Amino acid sequence: MEVADQNPDLVINLLCRHRELENDNDLNRETLIKIEQNVKLKELQSLHDRQLQIKENINKNLKSIVMQKHGLQKVIDGSKDNAPKLPVTYKYKQEAINFVSDAINFVNKFSEIQKSIEPENEVDVNQMYKKINTYGESVNQELSRCKIRVDQVGTFRENTEIITNHCLLPCDEDPGL
């Protein structure tokens, strides 16, 4: 308080500066709030526009469905009054009737035709299993025979080299003598 008593202008300046800072902070807060509000309003507007677009699409699709329903209803009502007719000239009428009746018979007999086409496989699985196992065993036996023969050939070769080296040594250099 002694400073305030000595220099009241300094205290007034400090208070004015404090008030200015608070006003600036308030302005900054208001500006931030306005910016956030603008962002939220834009987002809300875009959602509203999207909702309107979706409603329009739904209305268009509903109108299309209703129009198709009415068109189908007219076709059905019209076919009740008139007997069904083939869109074939009189000249080919009998051929078309025969074709349709043959097609109906073919479709009705399709399951029987399919059964006659499928081969009947009566395979004894156990017998196949045994044959496969015996074949595998014979292959393994033949493979082991081949390995033994290869080993024998290798041993023969080594022995041949030893004998050849032994025969070619002069008598003076013979280690056994």
Protein backbone atom coordinates (compact mmCIF):
# COMPACT_ATOMS: atom_id res chain seq x y z
CA MET A 1 0.00 0.00 0.00
CA GLU A 2 2.90 2.29 0.43
CA VAL A 3 3.58 2.06 -3.28
CA ALA A 4 -0.04 2.98 -3.99
CA ASP A 5 0.18 5.94 -1.70
CA GLN A 6 3.35 7.16 -3.32
CA ASN A 7 2.39 6.57 -6.95
CA PRO A 8 -1.37 6.47 -7.56
CA ASP A 9 -0.87 6.94 -11.30
CA LEU A 10 0.99 3.65 -11.47
CA VAL A 11 -1.89 1.82 -9.77
CA ILE A 12 -4.40 3.43 -12.13
CA ASN A 13 -2.30 2.43 -15.13
CA LEU A 14 -2.02 -1.14 -13.85
CA LEU A 15 -5.77 -1.35 -13.29
CA CYS A 16 -6.46 0.04 -16.76
CA ARG A 17 -4.04 -2.43 -18.28
CA HIS A 18 -5.69 -5.27 -16.33
CA ARG A 19 -9.13 -4.20 -17.57
CA GLU A 20 -7.83 -4.02 -21.18
CA LEU A 21 -6.41 -7.54 -20.90
CA GLU A 22 -9.70 -8.86 -19.53
CA ASN A 23 -11.58 -7.16 -22.36
CA ASP A 24 -9.17 -8.69 -24.89
CA ASN A 25 -9.66 -12.12 -23.31
CA ASP A 26 -13.43 -11.66 -23.46
CA LEU A 27 -13.18 -10.65 -27.12
CA ASN A 28 -11.00 -13.67 -27.85
CA ARG A 29 -13.48 -15.97 -26.11
CA GLU A 30 -16.37 -14.43 -28.01
CA THR A 31 -14.46 -14.78 -31.28
CA LEU A 32 -13.71 -18.46 -30.55
CA ILE A 33 -17.35 -19.06 -29.64
CA LYS A 34 -18.48 -17.41 -32.88
CA ILE A 35 -16.03 -19.49 -34.92
CA GLU A 36 -17.24 -22.69 -33.23
CA GLN A 37 -20.84 -21.66 -33.81
CA ASN A 38 -20.12 -21.00 -37.49
CA VAL A 39 -18.46 -24.40 -37.86
CA LYS A 40 -21.40 -26.11 -36.14
CA LEU A 41 -23.88 -24.17 -38.30
CA LYS A 42 -22.05 -25.19 -41.49
CA GLU A 43 -22.00 -28.80 -40.33
CA LEU A 44 -25.68 -28.63 -39.45
CA GLN A 45 -26.47 -27.09 -42.84
CA SER A 46 -24.55 -29.80 -44.70
CA LEU A 47 -26.38 -32.48 -42.70
CA HIS A 48 -29.68 -30.79 -43.48
CA ASP A 49 -28.81 -30.64 -47.20
CA ARG A 50 -27.83 -34.31 -47.16
CA GLN A 51 -31.08 -35.18 -45.40
CA LEU A 52 -33.05 -33.31 -48.07
CA GLN A 53 -31.14 -35.08 -50.84
CA ILE A 54 -31.84 -38.47 -49.25
CA LYS A 55 -35.52 -37.60 -48.92
CA GLU A 56 -35.63 -36.61 -52.60
CA ASN A 57 -33.97 -39.88 -53.62
CA ILE A 58 -36.42 -41.85 -51.51
CA ASN A 59 -39.35 -39.99 -53.06
CA LYS A 60 -38.03 -40.63 -56.59
CA ASN A 61 -37.56 -44.32 -55.85
CA LEU A 62 -41.01 -44.59 -54.27
CA LYS A 63 -42.60 -42.91 -57.29
CA SER A 64 -40.75 -45.30 -59.60
CA ILE A 65 -41.88 -48.30 -57.56
CA VAL A 66 -45.48 -47.09 -57.52
CA MET A 67 -45.41 -46.51 -61.30
CA GLN A 68 -43.99 -49.99 -61.87
CA LYS A 69 -46.62 -51.46 -59.56
CA HIS A 70 -49.39 -49.73 -61.49
CA GLY A 71 -47.91 -50.91 -64.80
CA LEU A 72 -47.73 -54.48 -63.55
CA GLN A 73 -51.24 -54.24 -62.19
CA LYS A 74 -52.50 -53.10 -65.62
CA VAL A 75 -50.72 -56.00 -67.31
CA ILE A 76 -52.17 -58.47 -64.82
CA ASP A 77 -55.66 -57.02 -65.12
CA GLY A 78 -55.38 -57.05 -68.92
CA SER A 79 -54.27 -60.66 -68.98
CA LYS A 80 -57.24 -61.73 -66.87
CA ASP A 81 -59.65 -60.44 -69.48
CA ASN A 82 -57.84 -61.90 -72.48
CA ALA A 83 -56.86 -65.51 -72.81
CA PRO A 84 -53.08 -65.96 -72.94
CA LYS A 85 -51.80 -66.17 -76.47
CA LEU A 86 -48.50 -67.06 -77.98
CA PRO A 87 -46.75 -64.22 -79.81
CA VAL A 88 -46.36 -66.49 -82.84
CA THR A 89 -47.91 -66.23 -86.28
CA TYR A 90 -50.49 -68.79 -87.31
CA LYS A 91 -48.04 -70.38 -89.71
CA TYR A 92 -45.66 -71.43 -86.90
CA LYS A 93 -48.29 -71.96 -84.18
CA GLN A 94 -48.16 -75.77 -84.14
CA GLU A 95 -44.35 -75.80 -84.19
CA ALA A 96 -44.24 -73.40 -81.23
CA ILE A 97 -46.76 -75.52 -79.29
CA ASN A 98 -44.71 -78.66 -79.97
CA PHE A 99 -41.51 -76.86 -78.94
CA VAL A 100 -43.02 -75.67 -75.65
CA SER A 101 -44.49 -79.09 -74.83
CA ASP A 102 -41.15 -80.78 -75.61
CA ALA A 103 -39.36 -78.26 -73.41
CA ILE A 104 -41.79 -78.91 -70.55
CA ASN A 105 -41.32 -82.67 -70.89
CA PHE A 106 -37.53 -82.23 -70.96
CA VAL A 107 -37.57 -80.10 -67.81
CA ASN A 108 -39.85 -82.57 -66.03
CA LYS A 109 -37.62 -85.53 -66.97
CA PHE A 110 -34.36 -83.69 -66.27
CA SER A 111 -33.69 -85.50 -62.98
CA GLU A 112 -34.09 -88.90 -64.70
CA ILE A 113 -31.81 -87.82 -67.55
CA GLN A 114 -29.21 -86.55 -65.11
CA LYS A 115 -29.25 -89.88 -63.23
CA SER A 116 -28.68 -91.81 -66.44
CA ILE A 117 -25.74 -89.58 -67.41
CA GLU A 118 -23.93 -89.87 -64.06
CA PRO A 119 -21.60 -92.88 -63.90
CA GLU A 120 -22.22 -95.38 -61.16
CA ASN A 121 -19.00 -95.79 -59.29
CA GLU A 122 -18.94 -98.75 -56.99
CA VAL A 123 -15.36 -98.62 -55.84
CA ASP A 124 -14.15 -100.66 -52.90
CA VAL A 125 -12.27 -98.11 -50.84
CA ASN A 126 -10.52 -100.71 -48.70
CA GLN A 127 -9.22 -102.49 -51.78
CA MET A 128 -7.92 -99.20 -53.20
CA TYR A 129 -6.26 -98.42 -49.87
CA LYS A 130 -4.52 -101.80 -49.82
CA LYS A 131 -3.33 -101.40 -53.42
CA ILE A 132 -1.92 -97.96 -52.71
CA ASN A 133 -0.12 -99.22 -49.60
CA THR A 134 1.39 -102.22 -51.41
CA TYR A 135 2.52 -99.98 -54.26
CA GLY A 136 4.12 -97.58 -51.78
CA GLU A 137 5.89 -100.46 -50.02
CA SER A 138 7.21 -101.85 -53.31
CA VAL A 139 8.52 -98.41 -54.27
CA ASN A 140 10.28 -98.13 -50.89
CA GLN A 141 11.84 -101.60 -51.32
CA GLU A 142 13.08 -100.76 -54.81
CA LEU A 143 14.49 -97.47 -53.53
CA SER A 144 16.40 -99.23 -50.74
CA ARG A 145 17.77 -101.77 -53.29
CA CYS A 146 18.96 -98.90 -55.47
CA LYS A 147 20.69 -97.27 -52.48
CA ILE A 148 22.44 -100.54 -51.64
CA ARG A 149 23.62 -100.89 -55.24
CA VAL A 150 24.91 -97.32 -55.28
CA ASP A 151 26.81 -97.98 -52.05
CA GLN A 152 28.23 -101.20 -53.51
CA VAL A 153 29.38 -99.36 -56.63
CA GLY A 154 31.04 -96.71 -54.43
CA THR A 155 32.81 -99.39 -52.39
CA PHE A 156 33.90 -101.18 -55.56
CA ARG A 157 35.32 -97.96 -56.94
CA GLU A 158 37.29 -97.26 -53.76
CA ASN A 159 38.63 -100.81 -53.70
CA THR A 160 39.57 -100.54 -57.37
CA GLU A 161 41.51 -97.34 -56.69
CA ILE A 162 43.33 -98.96 -53.77
CA ILE A 163 44.22 -102.02 -55.85
CA THR A 164 45.29 -99.86 -58.77
CA ASN A 165 47.49 -97.74 -56.53
CA HIS A 166 48.91 -100.85 -54.89
CA CYS A 167 49.72 -102.52 -58.20
CA LEU A 168 51.37 -99.44 -59.63
CA LEU A 169 53.76 -98.96 -56.69
CA PRO A 170 57.31 -100.20 -57.30
CA CYS A 171 58.44 -103.01 -55.08
CA ASP A 172 60.81 -100.75 -53.15
CA GLU A 173 58.05 -98.36 -52.20
CA ASP A 174 55.62 -101.08 -51.11
CA PRO A 175 54.67 -100.30 -47.51
CA GLY A 176 53.88 -103.93 -46.81
CA LEU A 177 57.39 -105.13 -47.74
